[in-house]
């Protein structure tokens, strides 16, 4: 029973983190587009792109954790 509660908690945390990171990606993409449109500096554009790479990496980690969790969850039922 405790293991199921822990798994549900972990799943919830991962879903929230995924939602947050996706939202962050959308905001970053909008900021990047606006900065490019307004003729932003190369340094500012590079910074925004780097932040996007970091967010994508974190999203990849979330998906990896979710897939590992799905395998564990599926095996215990």
PDB file of N, CA and C in Angstrom:
ATOM      1  N   UNK A   1       0.825  -1.196   0.000  1.00  0.00           N
ATOM      2  CA  UNK A   1       0.000   0.000   0.000  1.00  0.00           C
ATOM      3  C   UNK A   1       0.872   1.265   0.000  1.00  0.00           C
ATOM      4  N   UNK A   2       1.868   1.306   0.883  1.00  0.00           N
ATOM      5  CA  UNK A   2       2.742   2.479   0.958  1.00  0.00           C
ATOM      6  C   UNK A   2       3.482   2.704  -0.347  1.00  0.00           C
ATOM      7  N   UNK A   3       3.848   1.603  -0.996  1.00  0.00           N
ATOM      8  CA  UNK A   3       4.577   1.707  -2.257  1.00  0.00           C
ATOM      9  C   UNK A   3       3.702   2.353  -3.329  1.00  0.00           C
ATOM     10  N   UNK A   4       2.407   2.036  -3.335  1.00  0.00           N
ATOM     11  CA  UNK A   4       1.502   2.643  -4.319  1.00  0.00           C
ATOM     12  C   UNK A   4       1.346   4.137  -4.066  1.00  0.00           C
ATOM     13  N   UNK A   5       1.255   4.515  -2.815  1.00  0.00           N
ATOM     14  CA  UNK A   5       1.134   5.939  -2.475  1.00  0.00           C
ATOM     15  C   UNK A   5       2.396   6.675  -2.896  1.00  0.00           C
ATOM     16  N   UNK A   6       3.530   6.084  -2.610  1.00  0.00           N
ATOM     17  CA  UNK A   6       4.805   6.692  -3.000  1.00  0.00           C
ATOM     18  C   UNK A   6       4.900   6.820  -4.522  1.00  0.00           C
ATOM     19  N   UNK A   7       4.452   5.788  -5.243  1.00  0.00           N
ATOM     20  CA  UNK A   7       4.494   5.823  -6.705  1.00  0.00           C
ATOM     21  C   UNK A   7       3.561   6.908  -7.245  1.00  0.00           C
ATOM     22  N   UNK A   8       2.373   7.031  -6.658  1.00  0.00           N
ATOM     23  CA  UNK A   8       1.431   8.070  -7.092  1.00  0.00           C
ATOM     24  C   UNK A   8       2.007   9.456  -6.829  1.00  0.00           C
ATOM     25  N   UNK A   9       2.654   9.628  -5.695  1.00  0.00           N
ATOM     26  CA  UNK A   9       3.290  10.901  -5.366  1.00  0.00           C
ATOM     27  C   UNK A   9       4.387  11.219  -6.377  1.00  0.00           C
ATOM     28  N   UNK A  10       5.223  10.235  -6.671  1.00  0.00           N
ATOM     29  CA  UNK A  10       6.305  10.417  -7.643  1.00  0.00           C
ATOM     30  C   UNK A  10       5.747  10.764  -9.012  1.00  0.00           C
ATOM     31  N   UNK A  11       4.698  10.066  -9.437  1.00  0.00           N
ATOM     32  CA  UNK A  11       4.065  10.351 -10.732  1.00  0.00           C
ATOM     33  C   UNK A  11       3.529  11.775 -10.775  1.00  0.00           C
ATOM     34  N   UNK A  12       2.908  12.201  -9.691  1.00  0.00           N
ATOM     35  CA  UNK A  12       2.353  13.556  -9.613  1.00  0.00           C
ATOM     36  C   UNK A  12       3.458  14.604  -9.712  1.00  0.00           C
ATOM     37  N   UNK A  13       4.533  14.392  -8.988  1.00  0.00           N
ATOM     38  CA  UNK A  13       5.660  15.327  -9.019  1.00  0.00           C
ATOM     39  C   UNK A  13       6.234  15.413 -10.430  1.00  0.00           C
ATOM     40  N   UNK A  14       6.377  14.277 -11.092  1.00  0.00           N
ATOM     41  CA  UNK A  14       6.917  14.277 -12.455  1.00  0.00           C
ATOM     42  C   UNK A  14       5.980  14.988 -13.428  1.00  0.00           C
ATOM     43  N   UNK A  15       4.662  14.778 -13.278  1.00  0.00           N
ATOM     44  CA  UNK A  15       3.709  15.476 -14.154  1.00  0.00           C
ATOM     45  C   UNK A  15       3.777  16.983 -13.938  1.00  0.00           C
ATOM     46  N   UNK A  16       3.856  17.407 -12.678  1.00  0.00           N
ATOM     47  CA  UNK A  16       3.961  18.841 -12.382  1.00  0.00           C
ATOM     48  C   UNK A  16       5.254  19.422 -12.939  1.00  0.00           C
ATOM     49  N   UNK A  17       6.342  18.705 -12.792  1.00  0.00           N
ATOM     50  CA  UNK A  17       7.631  19.176 -13.320  1.00  0.00           C
ATOM     51  C   UNK A  17       7.589  19.269 -14.844  1.00  0.00           C
ATOM     52  N   UNK A  18       6.975  18.273 -15.473  1.00  0.00           N
ATOM     53  CA  UNK A  18       6.846  18.305 -16.934  1.00  0.00           C
ATOM     54  C   UNK A  18       6.018  19.514 -17.368  1.00  0.00           C
ATOM     55  N   UNK A  19       4.903  19.746 -16.699  1.00  0.00           N
ATOM     56  CA  UNK A  19       4.045  20.889 -17.036  1.00  0.00           C
ATOM     57  C   UNK A  19       4.802  22.205 -16.866  1.00  0.00           C
ATOM     58  N   UNK A  20       5.551  22.327 -15.769  1.00  0.00           N
ATOM     59  CA  UNK A  20       6.334  23.530 -15.515  1.00  0.00           C
ATOM     60  C   UNK A  20       7.381  23.746 -16.603  1.00  0.00           C
ATOM     61  N   UNK A  21       8.109  22.689 -16.952  1.00  0.00           N
ATOM     62  CA  UNK A  21       9.173  22.812 -17.951  1.00  0.00           C
ATOM     63  C   UNK A  21       8.615  23.128 -19.334  1.00  0.00           C
ATOM     64  N   UNK A  22       7.476  22.533 -19.669  1.00  0.00           N
ATOM     65  CA  UNK A  22       6.853  22.847 -20.963  1.00  0.00           C
ATOM     66  C   UNK A  22       6.430  24.319 -21.005  1.00  0.00           C
ATOM     67  N   UNK A  23       5.870  24.796 -19.917  1.00  0.00           N
ATOM     68  CA  UNK A  23       5.474  26.202 -19.828  1.00  0.00           C
ATOM     69  C   UNK A  23       6.694  27.106 -19.958  1.00  0.00           C
ATOM     70  N   UNK A  24       7.766  26.722 -19.314  1.00  0.00           N
ATOM     71  CA  UNK A  24       9.011  27.478 -19.385  1.00  0.00           C
ATOM     72  C   UNK A  24       9.546  27.518 -20.815  1.00  0.00           C
ATOM     73  N   UNK A  25       9.450  26.398 -21.525  1.00  0.00           N
ATOM     74  CA  UNK A  25       9.900  26.350 -22.919  1.00  0.00           C
ATOM     75  C   UNK A  25       9.088  27.299 -23.798  1.00  0.00           C
ATOM     76  N   UNK A  26       7.782  27.338 -23.574  1.00  0.00           N
ATOM     77  CA  UNK A  26       6.919  28.225 -24.363  1.00  0.00           C
ATOM     78  C   UNK A  26       7.299  29.682 -24.115  1.00  0.00           C
ATOM     79  N   UNK A  27       7.501  30.032 -22.852  1.00  0.00           N
ATOM     80  CA  UNK A  27       7.877  31.411 -22.512  1.00  0.00           C
ATOM     81  C   UNK A  27       9.244  31.768 -23.090  1.00  0.00           C
ATOM     82  N   UNK A  28      10.179  30.834 -23.020  1.00  0.00           N
ATOM     83  CA  UNK A  28      11.510  31.080 -23.549  1.00  0.00           C
ATOM     84  C   UNK A  28      11.469  31.248 -25.061  1.00  0.00           C
ATOM     85  N   UNK A  29      10.685  30.429 -25.723  1.00  0.00           N
ATOM     86  CA  UNK A  29      10.568  30.532 -27.181  1.00  0.00           C
ATOM     87  C   UNK A  29       9.958  31.873 -27.579  1.00  0.00           C
ATOM     88  N   UNK A  30       8.963  32.328 -26.815  1.00  0.00           N
ATOM     89  CA  UNK A  30       8.349  33.628 -27.097  1.00  0.00           C
ATOM     90  C   UNK A  30       9.355  34.754 -26.873  1.00  0.00           C
ATOM     91  N   UNK A  31      10.130  34.664 -25.803  1.00  0.00           N
ATOM     92  CA  UNK A  31      11.141  35.685 -25.516  1.00  0.00           C
ATOM     93  C   UNK A  31      12.223  35.687 -26.590  1.00  0.00           C
ATOM     94  N   UNK A  32      12.612  34.511 -27.042  1.00  0.00           N
ATOM     95  CA  UNK A  32      13.624  34.399 -28.095  1.00  0.00           C
ATOM     96  C   UNK A  32      13.116  35.019 -29.394  1.00  0.00           C
ATOM     97  N   UNK A  33      11.873  34.721 -29.746  1.00  0.00           N
ATOM     98  CA  UNK A  33      11.294  35.279 -30.968  1.00  0.00           C
ATOM     99  C   UNK A  33      11.197  36.797 -30.881  1.00  0.00           C
ATOM    100  N   UNK A  34      10.761  37.299 -29.736  1.00  0.00           N
ATOM    101  CA  UNK A  34      10.636  38.745 -29.549  1.00  0.00           C
ATOM    102  C   UNK A  34      12.000  39.419 -29.607  1.00  0.00           C
ATOM    103  N   UNK A  35      12.971  38.830 -28.939  1.00  0.00           N
ATOM    104  CA  UNK A  35      14.329  39.392 -28.915  1.00  0.00           C
ATOM    105  C   UNK A  35      14.916  39.421 -30.328  1.00  0.00           C
ATOM    106  N   UNK A  36      14.697  38.346 -31.078  1.00  0.00           N
ATOM    107  CA  UNK A  36      15.201  38.294 -32.453  1.00  0.00           C
ATOM    108  C   UNK A  36      14.498  39.335 -33.322  1.00  0.00           C
ATOM    109  N   UNK A  37      13.194  39.476 -33.119  1.00  0.00           N
ATOM    110  CA  UNK A  37      12.408  40.441 -33.898  1.00  0.00           C
ATOM    111  C   UNK A  37      12.843  41.875 -33.615  1.00  0.00           C
ATOM    112  N   UNK A  38      13.181  42.138 -32.363  1.00  0.00           N
ATOM    113  CA  UNK A  38      13.575  43.492 -31.974  1.00  0.00           C
ATOM    114  C   UNK A  38      15.062  43.747 -32.213  1.00  0.00           C
ATOM    115  N   UNK A  39      15.734  42.782 -32.786  1.00  0.00           N
ATOM    116  CA  UNK A  39      17.158  42.955 -33.078  1.00  0.00           C
ATOM    117  C   UNK A  39      18.016  42.876 -31.839  1.00  0.00           C
ATOM    118  N   UNK A  40      17.709  41.921 -30.981  1.00  0.00           N
ATOM    119  CA  UNK A  40      18.460  41.759 -29.742  1.00  0.00           C
ATOM    120  C   UNK A  40      19.919  41.419 -29.985  1.00  0.00           C
ATOM    121  N   UNK A  41      20.701  41.634 -28.960  1.00  0.00           N
ATOM    122  CA  UNK A  41      22.139  41.372 -29.067  1.00  0.00           C
ATOM    123  C   UNK A  41      22.396  39.874 -29.205  1.00  0.00           C
ATOM    124  N   UNK A  42      23.519  39.556 -29.791  1.00  0.00           N
ATOM    125  CA  UNK A  42      23.904  38.155 -29.975  1.00  0.00           C
ATOM    126  C   UNK A  42      24.054  37.459 -28.625  1.00  0.00           C
ATOM    127  N   UNK A  43      24.552  38.187 -27.629  1.00  0.00           N
ATOM    128  CA  UNK A  43      24.742  37.604 -26.298  1.00  0.00           C
ATOM    129  C   UNK A  43      23.398  37.232 -25.673  1.00  0.00           C
ATOM    130  N   UNK A  44      22.423  38.112 -25.810  1.00  0.00           N
ATOM    131  CA  UNK A  44      21.100  37.843 -25.241  1.00  0.00           C
ATOM    132  C   UNK A  44      20.430  36.670 -25.954  1.00  0.00           C
ATOM    133  N   UNK A  45      20.553  36.627 -27.273  1.00  0.00           N
ATOM    134  CA  UNK A  45      19.986  35.511 -28.036  1.00  0.00           C
ATOM    135  C   UNK A  45      20.659  34.193 -27.659  1.00  0.00           C
ATOM    136  N   UNK A  46      21.973  34.219 -27.497  1.00  0.00           N
ATOM    137  CA  UNK A  46      22.708  33.011 -27.108  1.00  0.00           C
ATOM    138  C   UNK A  46      22.280  32.538 -25.725  1.00  0.00           C
ATOM    139  N   UNK A  47      22.065  33.479 -24.813  1.00  0.00           N
ATOM    140  CA  UNK A  47      21.637  33.145 -23.454  1.00  0.00           C
ATOM    141  C   UNK A  47      20.270  32.464 -23.484  1.00  0.00           C
ATOM    142  N   UNK A  48      19.344  33.007 -24.258  1.00  0.00           N
ATOM    143  CA  UNK A  48      18.011  32.422 -24.358  1.00  0.00           C
ATOM    144  C   UNK A  48      18.063  31.030 -24.985  1.00  0.00           C
ATOM    145  N   UNK A  49      18.898  30.857 -25.993  1.00  0.00           N
ATOM    146  CA  UNK A  49      19.039  29.541 -26.624  1.00  0.00           C
ATOM    147  C   UNK A  49      19.615  28.533 -25.637  1.00  0.00           C
ATOM    148  N   UNK A  50      20.593  28.960 -24.857  1.00  0.00           N
ATOM    149  CA  UNK A  50      21.208  28.077 -23.866  1.00  0.00           C
ATOM    150  C   UNK A  50      20.187  27.647 -22.818  1.00  0.00           C
ATOM    151  N   UNK A  51      19.354  28.574 -22.394  1.00  0.00           N
ATOM    152  CA  UNK A  51      18.309  28.243 -21.428  1.00  0.00           C
ATOM    153  C   UNK A  51      17.351  27.207 -22.013  1.00  0.00           C
ATOM    154  N   UNK A  52      17.077  27.327 -23.302  1.00  0.00           N
ATOM    155  CA  UNK A  52      16.205  26.365 -23.967  1.00  0.00           C
ATOM    156  C   UNK A  52      16.803  24.975 -24.001  1.00  0.00           C
ATOM    157  N   UNK A  53      18.104  24.902 -24.212  1.00  0.00           N
ATOM    158  CA  UNK A  53      18.785  23.604 -24.228  1.00  0.00           C
ATOM    159  C   UNK A  53      18.710  22.972 -22.843  1.00  0.00           C
ATOM    160  N   UNK A  54      18.919  23.782 -21.806  1.00  0.00           N
ATOM    161  CA  UNK A  54      18.846  23.289 -20.433  1.00  0.00           C
ATOM    162  C   UNK A  54      17.446  22.765 -20.125  1.00  0.00           C
ATOM    163  N   UNK A  55      16.426  23.502 -20.531  1.00  0.00           N
ATOM    164  CA  UNK A  55      15.048  23.087 -20.294  1.00  0.00           C
ATOM    165  C   UNK A  55      14.756  21.782 -21.024  1.00  0.00           C
ATOM    166  N   UNK A  56      15.207  21.671 -22.255  1.00  0.00           N
ATOM    167  CA  UNK A  56      15.000  20.441 -23.031  1.00  0.00           C
ATOM    168  C   UNK A  56      15.683  19.250 -22.365  1.00  0.00           C
ATOM    169  N   UNK A  57      16.864  19.472 -21.836  1.00  0.00           N
ATOM    170  CA  UNK A  57      17.590  18.408 -21.134  1.00  0.00           C
ATOM    171  C   UNK A  57      16.809  17.959 -19.902  1.00  0.00           C
ATOM    172  N   UNK A  58      16.296  18.928 -19.150  1.00  0.00           N
ATOM    173  CA  UNK A  58      15.515  18.598 -17.962  1.00  0.00           C
ATOM    174  C   UNK A  58      14.240  17.844 -18.329  1.00  0.00           C
ATOM    175  N   UNK A  59      13.596  18.248 -19.422  1.00  0.00           N
ATOM    176  CA  UNK A  59      12.404  17.530 -19.884  1.00  0.00           C
ATOM    177  C   UNK A  59      12.757  16.094 -20.253  1.00  0.00           C
ATOM    178  N   UNK A  60      13.885  15.913 -20.904  1.00  0.00           N
ATOM    179  CA  UNK A  60      14.340  14.566 -21.244  1.00  0.00           C
ATOM    180  C   UNK A  60      14.523  13.706 -20.004  1.00  0.00           C
ATOM    181  N   UNK A  61      15.060  14.302 -18.946  1.00  0.00           N
ATOM    182  CA  UNK A  61      15.239  13.581 -17.687  1.00  0.00           C
ATOM    183  C   UNK A  61      13.894  13.190 -17.087  1.00  0.00           C
ATOM    184  N   UNK A  62      12.912  14.089 -17.180  1.00  0.00           N
ATOM    185  CA  UNK A  62      11.571  13.788 -16.673  1.00  0.00           C
ATOM    186  C   UNK A  62      10.989  12.601 -17.436  1.00  0.00           C
ATOM    187  N   UNK A  63      11.106  12.606 -18.757  1.00  0.00           N
ATOM    188  CA  UNK A  63      10.572  11.508 -19.558  1.00  0.00           C
ATOM    189  C   UNK A  63      11.270  10.191 -19.227  1.00  0.00           C
ATOM    190  N   UNK A  64      12.572  10.245 -18.995  1.00  0.00           N
ATOM    191  CA  UNK A  64      13.315   9.043 -18.618  1.00  0.00           C
ATOM    192  C   UNK A  64      12.810   8.506 -17.286  1.00  0.00           C
ATOM    193  N   UNK A  65      12.630   9.394 -16.323  1.00  0.00           N
ATOM    194  CA  UNK A  65      12.134   8.983 -15.012  1.00  0.00           C
ATOM    195  C   UNK A  65      10.721   8.421 -15.114  1.00  0.00           C
ATOM    196  N   UNK A  66       9.887   9.057 -15.951  1.00  0.00           N
ATOM    197  CA  UNK A  66       8.519   8.572 -16.119  1.00  0.00           C
ATOM    198  C   UNK A  66       8.507   7.184 -16.747  1.00  0.00           C
ATOM    199  N   UNK A  67       9.364   6.959 -17.733  1.00  0.00           N
ATOM    200  CA  UNK A  67       9.384   5.648 -18.385  1.00  0.00           C
ATOM    201  C   UNK A  67       9.897   4.573 -17.431  1.00  0.00           C
ATOM    202  N   UNK A  68      10.857   4.909 -16.609  1.00  0.00           N
ATOM    203  CA  UNK A  68      11.343   3.959 -15.603  1.00  0.00           C
ATOM    204  C   UNK A  68      10.249   3.661 -14.596  1.00  0.00           C
ATOM    205  N   UNK A  69       9.530   4.691 -14.188  1.00  0.00           N
ATOM    206  CA  UNK A  69       8.439   4.516 -13.237  1.00  0.00           C
ATOM    207  C   UNK A  69       7.316   3.685 -13.813  1.00  0.00           C
ATOM    208  N   UNK A  70       7.024   3.866 -15.100  1.00  0.00           N
ATOM    209  CA  UNK A  70       5.956   3.104 -15.746  1.00  0.00           C
ATOM    210  C   UNK A  70       6.319   1.625 -15.774  1.00  0.00           C
ATOM    211  N   UNK A  71       7.591   1.340 -16.019  1.00  0.00           N
ATOM    212  CA  UNK A  71       8.033  -0.049 -16.028  1.00  0.00           C
ATOM    213  C   UNK A  71       7.912  -0.686 -14.659  1.00  0.00           C
ATOM    214  N   UNK A  72       8.256   0.064 -13.626  1.00  0.00           N
ATOM    215  CA  UNK A  72       8.162  -0.432 -12.254  1.00  0.00           C
ATOM    216  C   UNK A  72       6.703  -0.635 -11.886  1.00  0.00           C
ATOM    217  N   UNK A  73       5.888   0.368 -12.204  1.00  0.00           N
ATOM    218  CA  UNK A  73       4.475   0.322 -11.871  1.00  0.00           C
ATOM    219  C   UNK A  73       3.814  -0.864 -12.571  1.00  0.00           C
ATOM    220  N   UNK A  74       4.120  -1.032 -13.863  1.00  0.00           N
ATOM    221  CA  UNK A  74       3.523  -2.107 -14.638  1.00  0.00           C
ATOM    222  C   UNK A  74       3.921  -3.479 -14.117  1.00  0.00           C
ATOM    223  N   UNK A  75       5.138  -3.597 -13.616  1.00  0.00           N
ATOM    224  CA  UNK A  75       5.620  -4.880 -13.136  1.00  0.00           C
ATOM    225  C   UNK A  75       5.043  -5.285 -11.797  1.00  0.00           C
ATOM    226  N   UNK A  76       4.533  -4.360 -11.022  1.00  0.00           N
ATOM    227  CA  UNK A  76       4.059  -4.659  -9.674  1.00  0.00           C
ATOM    228  C   UNK A  76       2.568  -4.913  -9.614  1.00  0.00           C
ATOM    229  N   UNK A  77       1.854  -4.631 -10.677  1.00  0.00           N
ATOM    230  CA  UNK A  77       0.396  -4.815 -10.634  1.00  0.00           C
ATOM    231  C   UNK A  77       0.024  -6.252 -10.812  1.00  0.00           C
TER     232      UNK A  77
END
